[in-house]
Amino acid sequence: MRSPETGPEFSVKLVENEEELRAAQALRYDVFVRELGGGGDMVDHQGGLERDRFDPYFDHMIVSDLSRDAVVGVYRLMRAEQAAEAGQFYSEDEYDLSVLRQSGRRLLELGRSCLHPDYRGGMAMFHLWNGLAEYVERHSIEVLFGVASFHGTDAQALAAPLSMLHHNHLAPPELRVRARPEHFQPMDLIAPDQLNRPQAMRDVPALIKAYLRLGGSVGEGAWIDHAFNTIDVCLLLDTARLNARQRRLYSGDAR
């Protein structure tokens, strides 16, 4: 364990070998399976690894605490050329991405974002987002997107935050992907004049709030994912719409 005096020493990198990938999948298992009750066809319960058929096509970004020699944060990233190899983007099982695919813009799908419980609310996410910002710049990415989750599958229990997102943060038409009809969940469950917006925002997961602060928006409709025990929304962020202050925040140079 690290001493309180030294604190964590973080590094951020893309996974380069099988050992690093397994460490990322192990953290994902702890968060998505043990903590949140998720599952999937390729989850390795004996080995404690959360994985799926898309893993070979993603870049996997990890943040490590070098003082513990432990992976404490994960992001996985898929560009359009990687999606072509995989046959689709991961989120296309849940959302019709036609408006994005037809836009001609450079796309990056984000997924499996998670942090070890000991590192939530601290600097680990800051370092992970710094790494993501560098990746976005290196590949000239114009639109970020990906599904983010509310825990549980009871839409009525989440009616307030889902309605708040629909009424206040719906993506513009040129980015407005739509949940596929098989598990389409309308998000406009409470009328705007009946909505307690501050309380609804408090019920929005931290990751979603972070993207909203950067100018992000959501697609139309949520998707009920019974395998992962979640209700998913599709987050979208047009990097051209970030104002100067937001750009500094996103690149880790906020003042």
C-alpha atoms as a PDB file:
ATOM      1  CA  MET A   1       0.000   0.000   0.000  1.00  0.00           C
ATOM      2  CA  ARG A   2       1.100   3.557  -0.583  1.00  0.00           C
ATOM      3  CA  SER A   3       1.848   5.786   2.360  1.00  0.00           C
ATOM      4  CA  PRO A   4      -0.416   8.764   3.082  1.00  0.00           C
ATOM      5  CA  GLU A   5       2.584  11.047   2.656  1.00  0.00           C
ATOM      6  CA  THR A   6       3.379  10.066  -0.921  1.00  0.00           C
ATOM      7  CA  GLY A   7      -0.092   9.504  -2.330  1.00  0.00           C
ATOM      8  CA  PRO A   8      -0.757   7.820  -5.672  1.00  0.00           C
ATOM      9  CA  GLU A   9       1.544   8.214  -8.670  1.00  0.00           C
ATOM     10  CA  PHE A  10      -0.493   7.897 -11.842  1.00  0.00           C
ATOM     11  CA  SER A  11       0.394   6.824 -15.348  1.00  0.00           C
ATOM     12  CA  VAL A  12      -1.893   6.671 -18.383  1.00  0.00           C
ATOM     13  CA  LYS A  13      -1.297   4.528 -21.439  1.00  0.00           C
ATOM     14  CA  LEU A  14      -2.898   2.293 -24.035  1.00  0.00           C
ATOM     15  CA  VAL A  15      -2.818  -1.428 -23.318  1.00  0.00           C
ATOM     16  CA  GLU A  16       0.123  -3.049 -25.089  1.00  0.00           C
ATOM     17  CA  ASN A  17      -0.052  -6.716 -24.092  1.00  0.00           C
ATOM     18  CA  GLU A  18      -2.325  -9.463 -22.805  1.00  0.00           C
ATOM     19  CA  GLU A  19      -1.314  -8.947 -19.177  1.00  0.00           C
ATOM     20  CA  GLU A  20      -2.394  -5.300 -19.261  1.00  0.00           C
ATOM     21  CA  LEU A  21      -5.640  -6.198 -21.019  1.00  0.00           C
ATOM     22  CA  ARG A  22      -6.432  -8.795 -18.360  1.00  0.00           C
ATOM     23  CA  ALA A  23      -5.814  -6.191 -15.650  1.00  0.00           C
ATOM     24  CA  ALA A  24      -8.304  -3.875 -17.378  1.00  0.00           C
ATOM     25  CA  GLN A  25     -10.852  -6.679 -17.713  1.00  0.00           C
ATOM     26  CA  ALA A  26     -10.367  -7.598 -14.049  1.00  0.00           C
ATOM     27  CA  LEU A  27     -11.198  -4.052 -12.955  1.00  0.00           C
ATOM     28  CA  ARG A  28     -14.219  -4.078 -15.260  1.00  0.00           C
ATOM     29  CA  TYR A  29     -15.346  -7.332 -13.642  1.00  0.00           C
ATOM     30  CA  ASP A  30     -15.068  -5.843 -10.158  1.00  0.00           C
ATOM     31  CA  VAL A  31     -17.138  -2.804 -11.159  1.00  0.00           C
ATOM     32  CA  PHE A  32     -19.646  -4.042 -13.730  1.00  0.00           C
ATOM     33  CA  VAL A  33     -20.222  -7.599 -12.478  1.00  0.00           C
ATOM     34  CA  ARG A  34     -19.464  -7.709  -8.752  1.00  0.00           C
ATOM     35  CA  GLU A  35     -20.575  -4.171  -7.918  1.00  0.00           C
ATOM     36  CA  LEU A  36     -23.357  -3.524 -10.425  1.00  0.00           C
ATOM     37  CA  GLY A  37     -24.631  -7.039 -11.120  1.00  0.00           C
ATOM     38  CA  GLY A  38     -23.918  -7.103 -14.853  1.00  0.00           C
ATOM     39  CA  GLY A  39     -23.136 -10.111 -17.018  1.00  0.00           C
ATOM     40  CA  GLY A  40     -22.599 -11.243 -20.589  1.00  0.00           C
ATOM     41  CA  ASP A  41     -21.922 -14.267 -22.767  1.00  0.00           C
ATOM     42  CA  MET A  42     -18.119 -13.998 -22.551  1.00  0.00           C
ATOM     43  CA  VAL A  43     -17.744 -12.969 -18.903  1.00  0.00           C
ATOM     44  CA  ASP A  44     -15.176 -15.195 -17.194  1.00  0.00           C
ATOM     45  CA  HIS A  45     -16.513 -15.631 -13.665  1.00  0.00           C
ATOM     46  CA  GLN A  46     -13.818 -18.104 -12.691  1.00  0.00           C
ATOM     47  CA  GLY A  47     -11.023 -15.804 -13.835  1.00  0.00           C
ATOM     48  CA  GLY A  48     -12.818 -12.643 -12.725  1.00  0.00           C
ATOM     49  CA  LEU A  49     -12.698 -10.985 -16.172  1.00  0.00           C
ATOM     50  CA  GLU A  50     -15.401  -8.886 -17.842  1.00  0.00           C
ATOM     51  CA  ARG A  51     -14.903  -9.161 -21.585  1.00  0.00           C
ATOM     52  CA  ASP A  52     -16.842  -9.348 -24.847  1.00  0.00           C
ATOM     53  CA  ARG A  53     -16.324  -9.969 -28.543  1.00  0.00           C
ATOM     54  CA  PHE A  54     -15.478  -6.312 -29.190  1.00  0.00           C
ATOM     55  CA  ASP A  55     -12.409  -6.184 -26.945  1.00  0.00           C
ATOM     56  CA  PRO A  56      -9.935  -7.183 -29.706  1.00  0.00           C
ATOM     57  CA  TYR A  57     -11.020  -4.186 -31.819  1.00  0.00           C
ATOM     58  CA  PHE A  58     -10.896  -1.457 -29.163  1.00  0.00           C
ATOM     59  CA  ASP A  59      -7.939   0.512 -27.886  1.00  0.00           C
ATOM     60  CA  HIS A  60      -7.926   0.111 -24.115  1.00  0.00           C
ATOM     61  CA  MET A  61      -6.733   3.085 -22.090  1.00  0.00           C
ATOM     62  CA  ILE A  62      -5.704   2.404 -18.508  1.00  0.00           C
ATOM     63  CA  VAL A  63      -4.684   4.622 -15.626  1.00  0.00           C
ATOM     64  CA  SER A  64      -2.443   2.931 -13.065  1.00  0.00           C
ATOM     65  CA  ASP A  65      -1.365   3.832  -9.564  1.00  0.00           C
ATOM     66  CA  LEU A  66       2.341   3.063  -9.824  1.00  0.00           C
ATOM     67  CA  SER A  67       2.751   3.147  -6.058  1.00  0.00           C
ATOM     68  CA  ARG A  68       0.461   0.104  -5.880  1.00  0.00           C
ATOM     69  CA  ASP A  69       1.299  -1.374  -9.301  1.00  0.00           C
ATOM     70  CA  ALA A  70      -2.447  -1.527  -9.941  1.00  0.00           C
ATOM     71  CA  VAL A  71      -4.792  -0.561 -12.769  1.00  0.00           C
ATOM     72  CA  VAL A  72      -7.369   1.759 -11.187  1.00  0.00           C
ATOM     73  CA  GLY A  73      -9.201   3.186 -14.210  1.00  0.00           C
ATOM     74  CA  VAL A  74     -10.225   2.043 -17.679  1.00  0.00           C
ATOM     75  CA  TYR A  75     -11.627   3.477 -20.907  1.00  0.00           C
ATOM     76  CA  ARG A  76     -11.999   1.653 -24.174  1.00  0.00           C
ATOM     77  CA  LEU A  77     -11.927   3.545 -27.458  1.00  0.00           C
ATOM     78  CA  MET A  78     -13.078   2.624 -30.960  1.00  0.00           C
ATOM     79  CA  ARG A  79     -12.521   4.704 -34.091  1.00  0.00           C
ATOM     80  CA  ALA A  80     -14.499   4.209 -37.292  1.00  0.00           C
ATOM     81  CA  GLU A  81     -11.780   2.129 -38.930  1.00  0.00           C
ATOM     82  CA  GLN A  82     -11.740  -0.223 -35.937  1.00  0.00           C
ATOM     83  CA  ALA A  83     -15.531  -0.461 -36.056  1.00  0.00           C
ATOM     84  CA  ALA A  84     -15.260  -1.461 -39.723  1.00  0.00           C
ATOM     85  CA  GLU A  85     -13.028  -4.365 -38.693  1.00  0.00           C
ATOM     86  CA  ALA A  86     -15.450  -5.360 -35.941  1.00  0.00           C
ATOM     87  CA  GLY A  87     -18.437  -5.063 -38.281  1.00  0.00           C
ATOM     88  CA  GLN A  88     -20.109  -2.347 -36.205  1.00  0.00           C
ATOM     89  CA  PHE A  89     -19.697   0.024 -33.293  1.00  0.00           C
ATOM     90  CA  TYR A  90     -20.487  -1.569 -29.940  1.00  0.00           C
ATOM     91  CA  SER A  91     -23.427   0.757 -29.290  1.00  0.00           C
ATOM     92  CA  GLU A  92     -25.077  -0.070 -32.625  1.00  0.00           C
ATOM     93  CA  ASP A  93     -26.734  -3.009 -30.875  1.00  0.00           C
ATOM     94  CA  GLU A  94     -28.670  -0.398 -28.884  1.00  0.00           C
ATOM     95  CA  TYR A  95     -28.780   2.732 -31.069  1.00  0.00           C
ATOM     96  CA  ASP A  96     -29.285   3.552 -34.734  1.00  0.00           C
ATOM     97  CA  LEU A  97     -26.111   5.527 -35.540  1.00  0.00           C
ATOM     98  CA  SER A  98     -27.058   6.414 -39.124  1.00  0.00           C
ATOM     99  CA  VAL A  99     -26.900  10.175 -38.546  1.00  0.00           C
ATOM    100  CA  LEU A 100     -23.346   9.851 -37.238  1.00  0.00           C
ATOM    101  CA  ARG A 101     -22.172   7.460 -39.927  1.00  0.00           C
ATOM    102  CA  GLN A 102     -23.576   9.700 -42.658  1.00  0.00           C
ATOM    103  CA  SER A 103     -22.077  12.879 -41.198  1.00  0.00           C
ATOM    104  CA  GLY A 104     -18.631  12.344 -42.697  1.00  0.00           C
ATOM    105  CA  ARG A 105     -17.062  13.390 -39.410  1.00  0.00           C
ATOM    106  CA  ARG A 106     -14.354  11.530 -37.509  1.00  0.00           C
ATOM    107  CA  LEU A 107     -16.020   9.461 -34.789  1.00  0.00           C
ATOM    108  CA  LEU A 108     -14.765   7.947 -31.551  1.00  0.00           C
ATOM    109  CA  GLU A 109     -16.863   5.570 -29.479  1.00  0.00           C
ATOM    110  CA  LEU A 110     -16.166   5.503 -25.740  1.00  0.00           C
ATOM    111  CA  GLY A 111     -17.122   2.677 -23.431  1.00  0.00           C
ATOM    112  CA  ARG A 112     -16.491   0.630 -20.289  1.00  0.00           C
ATOM    113  CA  SER A 113     -15.405   3.703 -18.346  1.00  0.00           C
ATOM    114  CA  CYS A 114     -14.840   2.773 -14.722  1.00  0.00           C
ATOM    115  CA  LEU A 115     -12.687   3.525 -11.690  1.00  0.00           C
ATOM    116  CA  HIS A 116     -11.704   1.469  -8.687  1.00  0.00           C
ATOM    117  CA  PRO A 117     -13.927   2.594  -5.754  1.00  0.00           C
ATOM    118  CA  ASP A 118     -10.917   3.939  -3.833  1.00  0.00           C
ATOM    119  CA  TYR A 119     -10.155   6.407  -6.649  1.00  0.00           C
ATOM    120  CA  ARG A 120     -13.559   7.874  -7.397  1.00  0.00           C
ATOM    121  CA  GLY A 121     -13.831  11.604  -6.883  1.00  0.00           C
ATOM    122  CA  GLY A 122     -10.070  12.024  -7.002  1.00  0.00           C
ATOM    123  CA  MET A 123      -7.362  12.624  -9.563  1.00  0.00           C
ATOM    124  CA  ALA A 124      -7.539   9.290 -11.374  1.00  0.00           C
ATOM    125  CA  MET A 125     -10.369  10.400 -13.661  1.00  0.00           C
ATOM    126  CA  PHE A 126      -8.536  13.669 -14.320  1.00  0.00           C
ATOM    127  CA  HIS A 127      -5.534  11.689 -15.593  1.00  0.00           C
ATOM    128  CA  LEU A 128      -7.717   9.335 -17.602  1.00  0.00           C
ATOM    129  CA  TRP A 129      -9.428  12.277 -19.288  1.00  0.00           C
ATOM    130  CA  ASN A 130      -6.072  13.881 -20.012  1.00  0.00           C
ATOM    131  CA  GLY A 131      -5.105  10.707 -21.839  1.00  0.00           C
ATOM    132  CA  LEU A 132      -8.401  10.724 -23.696  1.00  0.00           C
ATOM    133  CA  ALA A 133      -7.894  14.367 -24.744  1.00  0.00           C
ATOM    134  CA  GLU A 134      -4.472  13.520 -26.188  1.00  0.00           C
ATOM    135  CA  TYR A 135      -5.968  10.560 -28.059  1.00  0.00           C
ATOM    136  CA  VAL A 136      -8.740  12.779 -29.484  1.00  0.00           C
ATOM    137  CA  GLU A 137      -6.189  15.314 -30.707  1.00  0.00           C
ATOM    138  CA  ARG A 138      -3.851  12.673 -32.147  1.00  0.00           C
ATOM    139  CA  HIS A 139      -6.633  11.132 -34.239  1.00  0.00           C
ATOM    140  CA  SER A 140      -8.416  14.413 -35.134  1.00  0.00           C
ATOM    141  CA  ILE A 141     -11.664  13.192 -33.586  1.00  0.00           C
ATOM    142  CA  GLU A 142     -14.693  15.408 -34.179  1.00  0.00           C
ATOM    143  CA  VAL A 143     -17.520  13.577 -32.383  1.00  0.00           C
ATOM    144  CA  LEU A 144     -17.340  11.495 -29.222  1.00  0.00           C
ATOM    145  CA  PHE A 145     -20.191   9.156 -28.373  1.00  0.00           C
ATOM    146  CA  GLY A 146     -21.037   6.104 -26.332  1.00  0.00           C
ATOM    147  CA  VAL A 147     -23.597   4.626 -23.985  1.00  0.00           C
ATOM    148  CA  ALA A 148     -23.582   5.535 -20.304  1.00  0.00           C
ATOM    149  CA  SER A 149     -25.687   3.809 -17.710  1.00  0.00           C
ATOM    150  CA  PHE A 150     -28.104   4.258 -14.872  1.00  0.00           C
ATOM    151  CA  HIS A 151     -28.065   1.313 -12.456  1.00  0.00           C
ATOM    152  CA  GLY A 152     -31.229  -0.786 -12.547  1.00  0.00           C
ATOM    153  CA  THR A 153     -33.887  -1.433 -15.185  1.00  0.00           C
ATOM    154  CA  ASP A 154     -36.935   0.266 -13.622  1.00  0.00           C
ATOM    155  CA  ALA A 155     -37.599   3.271 -15.838  1.00  0.00           C
ATOM    156  CA  GLN A 156     -40.230   4.712 -13.499  1.00  0.00           C
ATOM    157  CA  ALA A 157     -37.686   4.830 -10.674  1.00  0.00           C
ATOM    158  CA  LEU A 158     -35.471   6.895 -12.990  1.00  0.00           C
ATOM    159  CA  ALA A 159     -38.264   8.973 -14.532  1.00  0.00           C
ATOM    160  CA  ALA A 160     -36.977  12.304 -13.194  1.00  0.00           C
ATOM    161  CA  PRO A 161     -33.354  12.166 -14.420  1.00  0.00           C
ATOM    162  CA  LEU A 162     -34.357  10.592 -17.743  1.00  0.00           C
ATOM    163  CA  SER A 163     -36.968  13.305 -18.303  1.00  0.00           C
ATOM    164  CA  MET A 164     -34.522  16.044 -17.342  1.00  0.00           C
ATOM    165  CA  LEU A 165     -32.021  14.762 -19.908  1.00  0.00           C
ATOM    166  CA  HIS A 166     -34.705  14.584 -22.604  1.00  0.00           C
ATOM    167  CA  HIS A 167     -36.131  18.044 -21.966  1.00  0.00           C
ATOM    168  CA  ASN A 168     -32.853  19.893 -21.387  1.00  0.00           C
ATOM    169  CA  HIS A 169     -30.025  18.011 -23.101  1.00  0.00           C
ATOM    170  CA  LEU A 170     -31.431  16.349 -26.238  1.00  0.00           C
ATOM    171  CA  ALA A 171     -28.856  16.256 -29.035  1.00  0.00           C
ATOM    172  CA  PRO A 172     -29.306  18.499 -32.103  1.00  0.00           C
ATOM    173  CA  PRO A 173     -30.852  16.745 -35.110  1.00  0.00           C
ATOM    174  CA  GLU A 174     -27.497  16.205 -36.851  1.00  0.00           C
ATOM    175  CA  LEU A 175     -26.275  14.147 -33.872  1.00  0.00           C
ATOM    176  CA  ARG A 176     -29.553  12.729 -32.580  1.00  0.00           C
ATOM    177  CA  VAL A 177     -29.155   8.982 -32.634  1.00  0.00           C
ATOM    178  CA  ARG A 178     -32.213   6.965 -31.607  1.00  0.00           C
ATOM    179  CA  ALA A 179     -32.539   3.871 -29.434  1.00  0.00           C
ATOM    180  CA  ARG A 180     -33.525   0.789 -31.383  1.00  0.00           C
ATOM    181  CA  PRO A 181     -37.170  -0.262 -31.055  1.00  0.00           C
ATOM    182  CA  GLU A 182     -36.609  -3.664 -29.416  1.00  0.00           C
ATOM    183  CA  HIS A 183     -35.936  -2.130 -25.988  1.00  0.00           C
ATOM    184  CA  PHE A 184     -36.729   1.533 -26.692  1.00  0.00           C
ATOM    185  CA  GLN A 185     -37.579   3.393 -23.492  1.00  0.00           C
ATOM    186  CA  PRO A 186     -39.134   6.863 -23.869  1.00  0.00           C
ATOM    187  CA  MET A 187     -37.340   9.404 -21.694  1.00  0.00           C
ATOM    188  CA  ASP A 188     -40.021  12.119 -21.581  1.00  0.00           C
ATOM    189  CA  LEU A 189     -41.806  10.523 -18.637  1.00  0.00           C
ATOM    190  CA  ILE A 190     -42.470  13.710 -16.629  1.00  0.00           C
ATOM    191  CA  ALA A 191     -43.666  16.992 -18.124  1.00  0.00           C
ATOM    192  CA  PRO A 192     -41.174  19.875 -17.877  1.00  0.00           C
ATOM    193  CA  ASP A 193     -43.412  21.915 -15.571  1.00  0.00           C
ATOM    194  CA  GLN A 194     -43.726  18.966 -13.175  1.00  0.00           C
ATOM    195  CA  LEU A 195     -40.016  18.267 -12.992  1.00  0.00           C
ATOM    196  CA  ASN A 196     -37.825  19.102 -10.004  1.00  0.00           C
ATOM    197  CA  ARG A 197     -34.745  19.806 -12.068  1.00  0.00           C
ATOM    198  CA  PRO A 198     -32.171  20.193  -9.240  1.00  0.00           C
ATOM    199  CA  GLN A 199     -33.244  16.888  -7.686  1.00  0.00           C
ATOM    200  CA  ALA A 200     -33.305  15.202 -11.087  1.00  0.00           C
ATOM    201  CA  MET A 201     -29.760  16.384 -11.799  1.00  0.00           C
ATOM    202  CA  ARG A 202     -28.582  15.004  -8.454  1.00  0.00           C
ATOM    203  CA  ASP A 203     -29.817  11.584  -9.594  1.00  0.00           C
ATOM    204  CA  VAL A 204     -27.753  11.686 -12.804  1.00  0.00           C
ATOM    205  CA  PRO A 205     -24.547   9.586 -12.616  1.00  0.00           C
ATOM    206  CA  ALA A 206     -21.320  11.548 -12.291  1.00  0.00           C
ATOM    207  CA  LEU A 207     -19.939  10.491 -15.679  1.00  0.00           C
ATOM    208  CA  ILE A 208     -23.031  11.745 -17.503  1.00  0.00           C
ATOM    209  CA  LYS A 209     -22.927  15.045 -15.601  1.00  0.00           C
ATOM    210  CA  ALA A 210     -19.281  15.472 -16.562  1.00  0.00           C
ATOM    211  CA  TYR A 211     -20.110  15.206 -20.264  1.00  0.00           C
ATOM    212  CA  LEU A 212     -23.039  17.581 -19.903  1.00  0.00           C
ATOM    213  CA  ARG A 213     -20.708  20.162 -18.356  1.00  0.00           C
ATOM    214  CA  LEU A 214     -18.492  19.849 -21.419  1.00  0.00           C
ATOM    215  CA  GLY A 215     -21.427  20.572 -23.722  1.00  0.00           C
ATOM    216  CA  GLY A 216     -22.530  16.994 -24.271  1.00  0.00           C
ATOM    217  CA  SER A 217     -26.051  15.869 -25.135  1.00  0.00           C
ATOM    218  CA  VAL A 218     -28.077  12.658 -25.306  1.00  0.00           C
ATOM    219  CA  GLY A 219     -29.744  10.698 -28.058  1.00  0.00           C
ATOM    220  CA  GLU A 220     -33.475  10.074 -28.292  1.00  0.00           C
ATOM    221  CA  GLY A 221     -34.768   7.306 -26.066  1.00  0.00           C
ATOM    222  CA  ALA A 222     -33.019   5.096 -23.561  1.00  0.00           C
ATOM    223  CA  TRP A 223     -32.231   1.399 -23.894  1.00  0.00           C
ATOM    224  CA  ILE A 224     -33.010  -1.168 -21.210  1.00  0.00           C
ATOM    225  CA  ASP A 225     -30.049  -3.537 -20.924  1.00  0.00           C
ATOM    226  CA  HIS A 226     -31.180  -6.501 -18.843  1.00  0.00           C
ATOM    227  CA  ALA A 227     -27.854  -8.337 -19.201  1.00  0.00           C
ATOM    228  CA  PHE A 228     -25.993  -5.466 -17.534  1.00  0.00           C
ATOM    229  CA  ASN A 229     -28.868  -4.503 -15.208  1.00  0.00           C
ATOM    230  CA  THR A 230     -28.841  -0.927 -16.523  1.00  0.00           C
ATOM    231  CA  ILE A 231     -30.791   1.660 -18.446  1.00  0.00           C
ATOM    232  CA  ASP A 232     -28.477   3.197 -21.031  1.00  0.00           C
ATOM    233  CA  VAL A 233     -28.471   6.600 -22.664  1.00  0.00           C
ATOM    234  CA  CYS A 234     -26.292   7.569 -25.600  1.00  0.00           C
ATOM    235  CA  LEU A 235     -23.992  10.499 -24.849  1.00  0.00           C
ATOM    236  CA  LEU A 236     -22.688  12.661 -27.698  1.00  0.00           C
ATOM    237  CA  LEU A 237     -20.097  15.408 -27.670  1.00  0.00           C
ATOM    238  CA  ASP A 238     -19.217  17.560 -30.681  1.00  0.00           C
ATOM    239  CA  THR A 239     -15.626  18.615 -30.022  1.00  0.00           C
ATOM    240  CA  ALA A 240     -16.066  21.708 -32.236  1.00  0.00           C
ATOM    241  CA  ARG A 241     -18.651  23.076 -29.803  1.00  0.00           C
ATOM    242  CA  LEU A 242     -16.388  23.167 -26.789  1.00  0.00           C
ATOM    243  CA  ASN A 243     -15.768  26.745 -25.762  1.00  0.00           C
ATOM    244  CA  ALA A 244     -12.291  27.940 -24.792  1.00  0.00           C
ATOM    245  CA  ARG A 245     -12.717  27.312 -21.072  1.00  0.00           C
ATOM    246  CA  GLN A 246     -14.162  23.855 -21.683  1.00  0.00           C
ATOM    247  CA  ARG A 247     -11.261  23.008 -23.978  1.00  0.00           C
ATOM    248  CA  ARG A 248      -8.833  23.872 -21.191  1.00  0.00           C
ATOM    249  CA  LEU A 249     -10.800  21.721 -18.763  1.00  0.00           C
ATOM    250  CA  TYR A 250     -10.923  18.809 -21.197  1.00  0.00           C
ATOM    251  CA  SER A 251      -7.175  19.016 -21.864  1.00  0.00           C
ATOM    252  CA  GLY A 252      -6.360  19.252 -18.182  1.00  0.00           C
ATOM    253  CA  ASP A 253      -5.260  22.905 -18.344  1.00  0.00           C
ATOM    254  CA  ALA A 254      -8.226  24.522 -16.568  1.00  0.00           C
ATOM    255  CA  ARG A 255      -7.476  27.714 -14.635  1.00  0.00           C
END
